[in-house]
């Protein structure tokens, strides 16, 4: 089983010890693609993904690697963005970015701020009642957005009544929820 991914003009791809690196106008990103069921090779402007197994498992690993390579290429050309909405009813929530940490203050009237980390090279900006996470790596942007949403979840209260928090409204790579 074999598939070929064409690398667009202005983007370069290289592989070294199972790590594929893609460089483009927005920067450089890399991903480890290692499996006994599949191999990845770069020749010129093509990424060749092969599997010696001609079964469903071989096809699955080839398509998974193909999706990862396409995500890397899309990230260095267009980038990824996730949007989160800050929702509250009584106590206004404050979101602050301190280096690689995010501080969520006054959630449900709590005195101590809730903290979470920014994954990788994702960038955070707070625009009014919206938090925007951007970056060139789809996994880092998605994980940062998910960490913010999980950190702001109110536990031990009825979720139908206490809907305060920060909720994902747009996922990376998708047009909307």
N, C-alpha and C. Protein backbone atom coordinates (compact mmCIF):
# COMPACT_ATOMS: atom_id res chain seq x y z
N UNK A 1 0.84 -1.17 0.00
CA UNK A 1 0.00 0.00 0.00
C UNK A 1 0.89 1.23 0.00
N UNK A 2 0.58 2.19 -0.86
CA UNK A 2 1.44 3.35 -1.03
C UNK A 2 0.59 4.56 -1.40
N UNK A 3 0.97 5.73 -0.85
CA UNK A 3 0.33 6.97 -1.24
C UNK A 3 1.38 8.07 -1.30
N UNK A 4 1.10 9.07 -2.11
CA UNK A 4 2.05 10.17 -2.32
C UNK A 4 1.35 11.48 -1.99
N UNK A 5 2.02 12.33 -1.19
CA UNK A 5 1.51 13.65 -0.86
C UNK A 5 2.41 14.66 -1.57
N UNK A 6 1.83 15.49 -2.41
CA UNK A 6 2.58 16.53 -3.11
C UNK A 6 2.83 17.71 -2.17
N UNK A 7 4.07 18.19 -2.13
CA UNK A 7 4.42 19.34 -1.32
C UNK A 7 4.27 20.58 -2.21
N UNK A 8 3.46 21.56 -1.82
CA UNK A 8 3.24 22.75 -2.65
C UNK A 8 4.52 23.58 -2.84
N UNK A 9 4.47 24.44 -3.83
CA UNK A 9 5.60 25.34 -4.12
C UNK A 9 5.83 26.28 -2.94
N UNK A 10 7.08 26.50 -2.58
CA UNK A 10 7.43 27.40 -1.48
C UNK A 10 7.49 26.72 -0.13
N UNK A 11 7.25 25.42 -0.10
CA UNK A 11 7.30 24.66 1.15
C UNK A 11 8.31 23.53 0.97
N UNK A 12 9.12 23.30 2.00
CA UNK A 12 10.09 22.22 1.92
C UNK A 12 9.81 21.20 3.03
N UNK A 13 10.05 19.94 2.70
CA UNK A 13 9.86 18.86 3.67
C UNK A 13 11.13 18.03 3.71
N UNK A 14 11.49 17.59 4.91
CA UNK A 14 12.65 16.72 5.08
C UNK A 14 12.35 15.72 6.19
N UNK A 15 13.07 14.60 6.16
CA UNK A 15 12.86 13.57 7.18
C UNK A 15 14.22 13.13 7.71
N UNK A 16 14.29 12.95 9.04
CA UNK A 16 15.52 12.52 9.69
C UNK A 16 15.13 11.69 10.91
N UNK A 17 15.45 10.40 10.90
CA UNK A 17 15.15 9.50 12.02
C UNK A 17 13.68 9.56 12.43
N UNK A 18 12.79 9.30 11.50
CA UNK A 18 11.35 9.24 11.71
C UNK A 18 10.70 10.59 12.02
N UNK A 19 11.46 11.67 12.03
CA UNK A 19 10.91 13.00 12.31
C UNK A 19 10.80 13.75 10.99
N UNK A 20 9.57 14.07 10.59
CA UNK A 20 9.36 14.85 9.37
C UNK A 20 9.24 16.31 9.76
N UNK A 21 9.99 17.16 9.07
CA UNK A 21 9.99 18.60 9.32
C UNK A 21 9.50 19.30 8.07
N UNK A 22 8.55 20.20 8.24
CA UNK A 22 7.99 20.97 7.13
C UNK A 22 8.23 22.44 7.41
N UNK A 23 8.82 23.13 6.42
CA UNK A 23 9.10 24.56 6.56
C UNK A 23 8.31 25.31 5.50
N UNK A 24 7.72 26.44 5.92
CA UNK A 24 6.93 27.24 5.01
C UNK A 24 6.95 28.69 5.40
N UNK A 25 6.04 29.50 4.83
CA UNK A 25 6.04 30.94 5.10
C UNK A 25 5.71 31.31 6.55
N UNK A 26 4.95 30.48 7.26
CA UNK A 26 4.59 30.80 8.65
C UNK A 26 5.56 30.25 9.68
N UNK A 27 6.51 29.42 9.24
CA UNK A 27 7.49 28.86 10.17
C UNK A 27 7.79 27.41 9.87
N UNK A 28 8.26 26.72 10.88
CA UNK A 28 8.65 25.33 10.73
C UNK A 28 8.00 24.49 11.83
N UNK A 29 7.56 23.31 11.47
CA UNK A 29 6.96 22.39 12.44
C UNK A 29 7.36 20.97 12.10
N UNK A 30 7.34 20.10 13.10
CA UNK A 30 7.77 18.73 12.86
C UNK A 30 6.89 17.75 13.63
N UNK A 31 6.97 16.47 13.24
CA UNK A 31 6.14 15.43 13.84
C UNK A 31 6.88 14.10 13.70
N UNK A 32 6.83 13.29 14.75
CA UNK A 32 7.42 11.96 14.71
C UNK A 32 6.41 11.00 14.07
N UNK A 33 6.81 10.36 12.98
CA UNK A 33 5.97 9.38 12.30
C UNK A 33 6.70 8.05 12.30
N UNK A 34 6.52 7.28 13.35
CA UNK A 34 7.22 6.02 13.51
C UNK A 34 6.23 4.91 13.78
N UNK A 35 6.29 3.86 12.96
CA UNK A 35 5.44 2.70 13.15
C UNK A 35 6.07 1.52 12.42
N UNK A 36 5.96 0.32 12.98
CA UNK A 36 6.47 -0.84 12.24
C UNK A 36 5.60 -1.18 11.03
N UNK A 37 4.43 -0.57 10.95
CA UNK A 37 3.51 -0.85 9.85
C UNK A 37 3.61 0.14 8.69
N UNK A 38 4.46 1.19 8.82
CA UNK A 38 4.54 2.17 7.76
C UNK A 38 5.86 2.90 7.74
N UNK A 39 6.23 3.39 6.57
CA UNK A 39 7.45 4.19 6.40
C UNK A 39 7.11 5.47 5.66
N UNK A 40 7.91 6.49 5.93
CA UNK A 40 7.75 7.79 5.28
C UNK A 40 9.08 8.16 4.67
N UNK A 41 9.04 8.64 3.41
CA UNK A 41 10.26 9.06 2.73
C UNK A 41 9.95 10.33 1.94
N UNK A 42 10.95 11.21 1.83
CA UNK A 42 10.79 12.46 1.09
C UNK A 42 11.73 12.42 -0.11
N UNK A 43 11.16 12.60 -1.31
CA UNK A 43 11.95 12.65 -2.54
C UNK A 43 11.48 13.85 -3.35
N UNK A 44 12.33 14.87 -3.40
CA UNK A 44 11.98 16.09 -4.14
C UNK A 44 10.81 16.81 -3.50
N UNK A 45 9.75 17.00 -4.26
CA UNK A 45 8.57 17.68 -3.74
C UNK A 45 7.45 16.69 -3.44
N UNK A 46 7.80 15.44 -3.13
CA UNK A 46 6.81 14.43 -2.81
C UNK A 46 7.15 13.75 -1.48
N UNK A 47 6.13 13.47 -0.70
CA UNK A 47 6.27 12.68 0.52
C UNK A 47 5.62 11.33 0.21
N UNK A 48 6.43 10.26 0.27
CA UNK A 48 5.96 8.92 -0.08
C UNK A 48 5.72 8.15 1.21
N UNK A 49 4.49 7.69 1.37
CA UNK A 49 4.10 6.94 2.56
C UNK A 49 3.74 5.52 2.12
N UNK A 50 4.40 4.53 2.73
CA UNK A 50 4.20 3.14 2.32
C UNK A 50 3.95 2.24 3.53
N UNK A 51 3.28 1.13 3.25
CA UNK A 51 3.09 0.10 4.26
C UNK A 51 3.29 -1.25 3.58
N UNK A 52 4.10 -2.14 4.18
CA UNK A 52 4.28 -3.45 3.57
C UNK A 52 3.06 -4.36 3.75
N UNK A 53 2.17 -4.00 4.65
CA UNK A 53 0.99 -4.81 4.93
C UNK A 53 -0.16 -4.35 4.05
N UNK A 54 -0.76 -5.27 3.33
CA UNK A 54 -1.87 -4.92 2.45
C UNK A 54 -3.20 -5.33 3.10
N UNK A 55 -3.46 -4.74 4.26
CA UNK A 55 -4.69 -5.04 4.98
C UNK A 55 -5.28 -3.74 5.50
N UNK A 56 -6.31 -3.85 6.31
CA UNK A 56 -6.96 -2.66 6.88
C UNK A 56 -5.99 -1.91 7.78
N UNK A 57 -5.15 -2.62 8.53
CA UNK A 57 -4.19 -1.96 9.42
C UNK A 57 -3.16 -1.18 8.63
N UNK A 58 -2.69 -1.74 7.53
CA UNK A 58 -1.73 -1.04 6.68
C UNK A 58 -2.35 0.21 6.07
N UNK A 59 -3.58 0.08 5.60
CA UNK A 59 -4.28 1.22 5.02
C UNK A 59 -4.53 2.30 6.08
N UNK A 60 -4.85 1.87 7.30
CA UNK A 60 -5.11 2.83 8.38
C UNK A 60 -3.85 3.63 8.71
N UNK A 61 -2.69 2.98 8.80
CA UNK A 61 -1.47 3.71 9.15
C UNK A 61 -1.05 4.63 8.02
N UNK A 62 -1.24 4.21 6.76
CA UNK A 62 -0.90 5.07 5.62
C UNK A 62 -1.79 6.32 5.63
N UNK A 63 -3.07 6.15 5.85
CA UNK A 63 -3.98 7.30 5.86
C UNK A 63 -3.74 8.21 7.06
N UNK A 64 -3.36 7.63 8.21
CA UNK A 64 -3.04 8.44 9.39
C UNK A 64 -1.81 9.30 9.12
N UNK A 65 -0.76 8.68 8.59
CA UNK A 65 0.46 9.43 8.27
C UNK A 65 0.17 10.50 7.21
N UNK A 66 -0.68 10.18 6.24
CA UNK A 66 -1.04 11.16 5.20
C UNK A 66 -1.75 12.37 5.82
N UNK A 67 -2.65 12.13 6.77
CA UNK A 67 -3.35 13.22 7.44
C UNK A 67 -2.39 14.08 8.25
N UNK A 68 -1.44 13.45 8.94
CA UNK A 68 -0.44 14.21 9.70
C UNK A 68 0.39 15.10 8.78
N UNK A 69 0.82 14.57 7.65
CA UNK A 69 1.63 15.35 6.71
C UNK A 69 0.81 16.50 6.14
N UNK A 70 -0.45 16.24 5.78
CA UNK A 70 -1.31 17.31 5.27
C UNK A 70 -1.55 18.39 6.33
N UNK A 71 -1.69 18.01 7.60
CA UNK A 71 -1.85 18.98 8.67
C UNK A 71 -0.61 19.83 8.85
N UNK A 72 0.58 19.22 8.72
CA UNK A 72 1.82 19.99 8.82
C UNK A 72 1.92 21.00 7.69
N UNK A 73 1.59 20.57 6.47
CA UNK A 73 1.65 21.47 5.31
C UNK A 73 0.64 22.60 5.45
N UNK A 74 -0.58 22.28 5.87
CA UNK A 74 -1.61 23.30 6.05
C UNK A 74 -1.24 24.28 7.17
N UNK A 75 -0.58 23.79 8.21
CA UNK A 75 -0.18 24.65 9.32
C UNK A 75 0.85 25.68 8.92
N UNK A 76 1.85 25.29 8.12
CA UNK A 76 2.89 26.26 7.74
C UNK A 76 2.44 27.18 6.62
N UNK A 77 1.33 26.87 5.94
CA UNK A 77 0.82 27.78 4.92
C UNK A 77 -0.27 28.70 5.47
N UNK A 78 -1.26 28.14 6.17
CA UNK A 78 -2.40 28.94 6.65
C UNK A 78 -2.41 29.15 8.16
N UNK A 79 -1.90 28.21 8.91
CA UNK A 79 -1.97 28.27 10.37
C UNK A 79 -3.32 27.76 10.86
N UNK A 80 -3.44 27.61 12.17
CA UNK A 80 -4.67 27.12 12.78
C UNK A 80 -5.15 28.10 13.84
N UNK A 81 -6.46 28.08 14.06
CA UNK A 81 -7.06 29.00 15.03
C UNK A 81 -8.19 28.29 15.76
N UNK A 82 -8.23 28.48 17.07
CA UNK A 82 -9.35 28.01 17.89
C UNK A 82 -9.90 29.22 18.63
N UNK A 83 -11.22 29.27 18.75
CA UNK A 83 -11.85 30.38 19.47
C UNK A 83 -12.66 29.83 20.63
N UNK A 84 -12.56 30.53 21.76
CA UNK A 84 -13.29 30.16 22.96
C UNK A 84 -14.09 31.37 23.45
N UNK A 85 -15.27 31.15 23.98
CA UNK A 85 -16.12 32.24 24.48
C UNK A 85 -16.15 32.21 26.00
N UNK A 86 -15.96 33.38 26.60
CA UNK A 86 -16.02 33.52 28.06
C UNK A 86 -17.48 33.78 28.43
N UNK A 87 -18.06 32.87 29.21
CA UNK A 87 -19.47 32.98 29.61
C UNK A 87 -19.57 33.07 31.13
N UNK A 88 -20.35 34.04 31.62
CA UNK A 88 -20.59 34.14 33.06
C UNK A 88 -21.94 34.81 33.28
N UNK A 89 -22.52 34.59 34.48
CA UNK A 89 -23.81 35.21 34.78
C UNK A 89 -23.69 36.23 35.90
N UNK A 90 -22.88 35.97 36.94
CA UNK A 90 -22.77 36.90 38.05
C UNK A 90 -21.38 37.48 38.23
N UNK A 91 -20.38 36.62 38.25
CA UNK A 91 -19.01 37.06 38.52
C UNK A 91 -18.23 37.14 37.22
N UNK A 92 -17.77 38.34 36.84
CA UNK A 92 -17.02 38.47 35.59
C UNK A 92 -15.68 37.73 35.65
N UNK A 93 -15.44 36.92 34.65
CA UNK A 93 -14.21 36.11 34.56
C UNK A 93 -13.13 36.94 33.88
N UNK A 94 -11.91 36.87 34.43
CA UNK A 94 -10.76 37.55 33.86
C UNK A 94 -9.76 36.51 33.40
N UNK A 95 -9.29 36.63 32.16
CA UNK A 95 -8.29 35.72 31.61
C UNK A 95 -7.03 36.52 31.35
N UNK A 96 -5.91 36.05 31.93
CA UNK A 96 -4.62 36.73 31.75
C UNK A 96 -3.59 35.72 31.25
N UNK A 97 -2.71 36.19 30.36
CA UNK A 97 -1.63 35.36 29.83
C UNK A 97 -0.33 35.85 30.44
N UNK A 98 0.38 34.94 31.14
CA UNK A 98 1.66 35.26 31.76
C UNK A 98 2.72 34.32 31.21
N UNK A 99 3.38 34.71 30.13
CA UNK A 99 4.39 33.85 29.52
C UNK A 99 3.75 32.60 28.94
N UNK A 100 4.09 31.42 29.51
CA UNK A 100 3.54 30.15 29.04
C UNK A 100 2.37 29.66 29.91
N UNK A 101 1.86 30.53 30.79
CA UNK A 101 0.75 30.17 31.68
C UNK A 101 -0.47 31.03 31.39
N UNK A 102 -1.63 30.45 31.63
CA UNK A 102 -2.90 31.17 31.50
C UNK A 102 -3.55 31.17 32.87
N UNK A 103 -3.98 32.35 33.31
CA UNK A 103 -4.61 32.49 34.61
C UNK A 103 -6.08 32.87 34.40
N UNK A 104 -6.98 32.05 34.97
CA UNK A 104 -8.42 32.32 34.89
C UNK A 104 -8.86 32.74 36.29
N UNK A 105 -9.23 34.02 36.42
CA UNK A 105 -9.52 34.60 37.73
C UNK A 105 -11.01 34.87 37.89
N UNK A 106 -11.47 34.78 39.14
CA UNK A 106 -12.84 35.11 39.55
C UNK A 106 -13.90 34.22 38.90
N UNK A 107 -13.55 32.97 38.61
CA UNK A 107 -14.49 32.03 38.02
C UNK A 107 -15.47 31.58 39.11
N UNK A 108 -16.70 31.96 39.01
CA UNK A 108 -17.70 31.61 40.01
C UNK A 108 -17.45 32.29 41.34
N UNK A 109 -16.69 33.38 41.36
CA UNK A 109 -16.39 34.10 42.58
C UNK A 109 -15.25 33.50 43.39
N UNK A 110 -14.49 32.59 42.81
CA UNK A 110 -13.38 31.96 43.53
C UNK A 110 -12.27 32.97 43.80
N UNK A 111 -11.63 32.84 44.94
CA UNK A 111 -10.55 33.76 45.31
C UNK A 111 -9.23 33.41 44.62
N UNK A 112 -8.93 32.12 44.50
CA UNK A 112 -7.66 31.72 43.90
C UNK A 112 -7.84 31.51 42.40
N UNK A 113 -6.89 31.98 41.58
CA UNK A 113 -7.02 31.80 40.14
C UNK A 113 -6.72 30.35 39.74
N UNK A 114 -7.33 29.94 38.66
CA UNK A 114 -7.06 28.62 38.09
C UNK A 114 -5.99 28.81 37.02
N UNK A 115 -5.01 27.91 36.99
CA UNK A 115 -3.89 28.04 36.08
C UNK A 115 -3.83 26.86 35.13
N UNK A 116 -3.41 27.12 33.90
CA UNK A 116 -3.14 26.07 32.92
C UNK A 116 -1.98 26.54 32.04
N UNK A 117 -1.40 25.61 31.30
CA UNK A 117 -0.23 25.91 30.48
C UNK A 117 -0.59 26.02 29.01
N UNK A 118 0.25 26.75 28.28
CA UNK A 118 0.13 26.84 26.83
C UNK A 118 1.01 25.74 26.25
N UNK A 119 0.46 24.93 25.36
CA UNK A 119 1.21 23.84 24.75
C UNK A 119 2.05 24.36 23.58
N UNK A 120 3.32 24.00 23.58
CA UNK A 120 4.19 24.30 22.46
C UNK A 120 4.30 25.78 22.14
N UNK A 121 4.16 26.11 20.86
CA UNK A 121 4.32 27.48 20.38
C UNK A 121 2.99 28.17 20.09
N UNK A 122 1.90 27.70 20.67
CA UNK A 122 0.60 28.33 20.46
C UNK A 122 0.60 29.72 21.09
N UNK A 123 -0.14 30.63 20.46
CA UNK A 123 -0.23 32.01 20.96
C UNK A 123 -1.66 32.29 21.38
N UNK A 124 -1.81 33.01 22.50
CA UNK A 124 -3.13 33.32 23.07
C UNK A 124 -3.35 34.82 23.02
N UNK A 125 -4.55 35.22 22.63
CA UNK A 125 -4.94 36.63 22.74
C UNK A 125 -6.37 36.68 23.26
N UNK A 126 -6.63 37.64 24.14
CA UNK A 126 -7.97 37.81 24.71
C UNK A 126 -8.57 39.05 24.07
N UNK A 127 -9.69 38.86 23.37
CA UNK A 127 -10.36 39.95 22.65
C UNK A 127 -11.78 40.09 23.22
N UNK A 128 -11.92 40.92 24.25
CA UNK A 128 -13.23 41.11 24.89
C UNK A 128 -13.67 39.84 25.59
N UNK A 129 -14.79 39.27 25.12
CA UNK A 129 -15.33 38.05 25.73
C UNK A 129 -14.92 36.82 24.94
N UNK A 130 -13.82 36.91 24.21
CA UNK A 130 -13.38 35.79 23.39
C UNK A 130 -11.88 35.57 23.57
N UNK A 131 -11.48 34.30 23.64
CA UNK A 131 -10.08 33.92 23.72
C UNK A 131 -9.73 33.26 22.39
N UNK A 132 -8.64 33.73 21.74
CA UNK A 132 -8.23 33.21 20.45
C UNK A 132 -6.88 32.53 20.62
N UNK A 133 -6.82 31.26 20.22
CA UNK A 133 -5.59 30.48 20.25
C UNK A 133 -5.15 30.26 18.81
N UNK A 134 -3.92 30.66 18.47
CA UNK A 134 -3.41 30.50 17.11
C UNK A 134 -2.06 29.81 17.14
N UNK A 135 -1.70 29.21 16.02
CA UNK A 135 -0.41 28.55 15.90
C UNK A 135 -0.32 27.77 14.60
N UNK A 136 0.85 27.17 14.35
CA UNK A 136 1.04 26.41 13.12
C UNK A 136 0.90 24.90 13.34
N UNK A 137 0.83 24.47 14.59
CA UNK A 137 0.68 23.05 14.90
C UNK A 137 -0.74 22.80 15.38
N UNK A 138 -1.49 22.01 14.63
CA UNK A 138 -2.90 21.76 14.93
C UNK A 138 -3.09 21.11 16.30
N UNK A 139 -2.21 20.20 16.66
CA UNK A 139 -2.35 19.49 17.94
C UNK A 139 -2.10 20.41 19.12
N UNK A 140 -1.11 21.30 19.00
CA UNK A 140 -0.82 22.24 20.09
C UNK A 140 -1.94 23.24 20.28
N UNK A 141 -2.51 23.74 19.19
CA UNK A 141 -3.61 24.70 19.28
C UNK A 141 -4.84 24.03 19.89
N UNK A 142 -5.16 22.82 19.43
CA UNK A 142 -6.32 22.10 19.97
C UNK A 142 -6.15 21.72 21.43
N UNK A 143 -4.94 21.29 21.81
CA UNK A 143 -4.72 20.90 23.20
C UNK A 143 -4.75 22.10 24.13
N UNK A 144 -4.24 23.25 23.69
CA UNK A 144 -4.30 24.46 24.51
C UNK A 144 -5.74 24.88 24.73
N UNK A 145 -6.55 24.86 23.66
CA UNK A 145 -7.96 25.23 23.78
C UNK A 145 -8.69 24.26 24.71
N UNK A 146 -8.41 22.98 24.59
CA UNK A 146 -9.06 21.98 25.44
C UNK A 146 -8.64 22.14 26.90
N UNK A 147 -7.39 22.49 27.14
CA UNK A 147 -6.91 22.70 28.52
C UNK A 147 -7.60 23.89 29.17
N UNK A 148 -7.79 24.96 28.39
CA UNK A 148 -8.48 26.14 28.91
C UNK A 148 -9.92 25.78 29.26
N UNK A 149 -10.61 25.06 28.37
CA UNK A 149 -11.99 24.68 28.62
C UNK A 149 -12.10 23.76 29.84
N UNK A 150 -11.21 22.80 29.97
CA UNK A 150 -11.25 21.87 31.10
C UNK A 150 -10.94 22.57 32.41
N UNK A 151 -9.97 23.50 32.40
CA UNK A 151 -9.61 24.21 33.62
C UNK A 151 -10.75 25.07 34.12
N UNK A 152 -11.56 25.61 33.21
CA UNK A 152 -12.63 26.53 33.63
C UNK A 152 -13.95 25.82 33.93
N UNK A 153 -13.95 24.50 33.93
CA UNK A 153 -15.19 23.76 34.21
C UNK A 153 -15.49 23.80 35.71
N UNK A 154 -16.73 24.11 36.07
CA UNK A 154 -17.14 24.15 37.46
C UNK A 154 -17.63 22.76 37.87
N UNK A 155 -17.02 22.21 38.91
CA UNK A 155 -17.34 20.86 39.35
C UNK A 155 -18.24 20.91 40.59
N UNK A 156 -18.93 19.81 40.82
CA UNK A 156 -19.77 19.60 41.99
C UNK A 156 -20.96 20.56 42.06
N UNK A 157 -21.38 21.06 40.92
CA UNK A 157 -22.59 21.87 40.85
C UNK A 157 -23.37 21.44 39.62
N UNK A 158 -24.64 21.72 39.60
CA UNK A 158 -25.50 21.32 38.49
C UNK A 158 -25.10 22.08 37.23
N UNK A 159 -24.63 21.35 36.22
CA UNK A 159 -24.14 21.99 35.00
C UNK A 159 -25.26 22.62 34.17
N UNK A 160 -26.52 22.28 34.47
CA UNK A 160 -27.63 22.91 33.77
C UNK A 160 -27.88 24.32 34.30
N UNK A 161 -27.51 24.57 35.56
CA UNK A 161 -27.71 25.88 36.16
C UNK A 161 -26.44 26.73 36.14
N UNK A 162 -25.31 26.13 36.46
CA UNK A 162 -24.04 26.85 36.54
C UNK A 162 -23.27 26.63 35.23
N UNK A 163 -23.55 27.48 34.26
CA UNK A 163 -22.94 27.33 32.95
C UNK A 163 -21.79 28.31 32.74
N UNK A 164 -21.25 28.86 33.81
CA UNK A 164 -20.11 29.76 33.70
C UNK A 164 -18.89 28.96 33.24
N UNK A 165 -18.02 29.63 32.51
CA UNK A 165 -16.79 28.98 32.06
C UNK A 165 -16.33 29.56 30.74
N UNK A 166 -15.34 28.91 30.17
CA UNK A 166 -14.80 29.28 28.87
C UNK A 166 -15.02 28.09 27.95
N UNK A 167 -15.78 28.27 26.89
CA UNK A 167 -16.23 27.17 26.05
C UNK A 167 -15.71 27.34 24.63
N UNK A 168 -15.29 26.23 24.02
CA UNK A 168 -14.79 26.23 22.64
C UNK A 168 -15.95 26.48 21.69
N UNK A 169 -15.80 27.48 20.81
CA UNK A 169 -16.81 27.76 19.80
C UNK A 169 -16.31 27.45 18.39
N UNK A 170 -14.99 27.40 18.20
CA UNK A 170 -14.41 27.06 16.89
C UNK A 170 -13.16 26.25 17.12
N UNK A 171 -13.11 25.05 16.52
CA UNK A 171 -11.96 24.18 16.67
C UNK A 171 -10.96 24.42 15.55
N UNK A 172 -9.67 24.09 15.78
CA UNK A 172 -8.68 24.30 14.73
C UNK A 172 -8.93 23.38 13.54
N UNK A 173 -8.88 23.95 12.33
CA UNK A 173 -9.07 23.16 11.13
C UNK A 173 -10.52 22.99 10.73
N UNK A 174 -11.46 23.52 11.51
CA UNK A 174 -12.89 23.40 11.20
C UNK A 174 -13.47 24.81 11.07
N UNK A 175 -14.60 24.91 10.36
CA UNK A 175 -15.24 26.22 10.18
C UNK A 175 -16.01 26.63 11.41
N UNK A 176 -16.52 25.74 12.16
CA UNK A 176 -17.28 26.04 13.38
C UNK A 176 -17.80 24.76 13.98
N UNK A 177 -18.41 24.86 15.13
CA UNK A 177 -18.96 23.65 15.76
C UNK A 177 -20.27 23.35 15.18
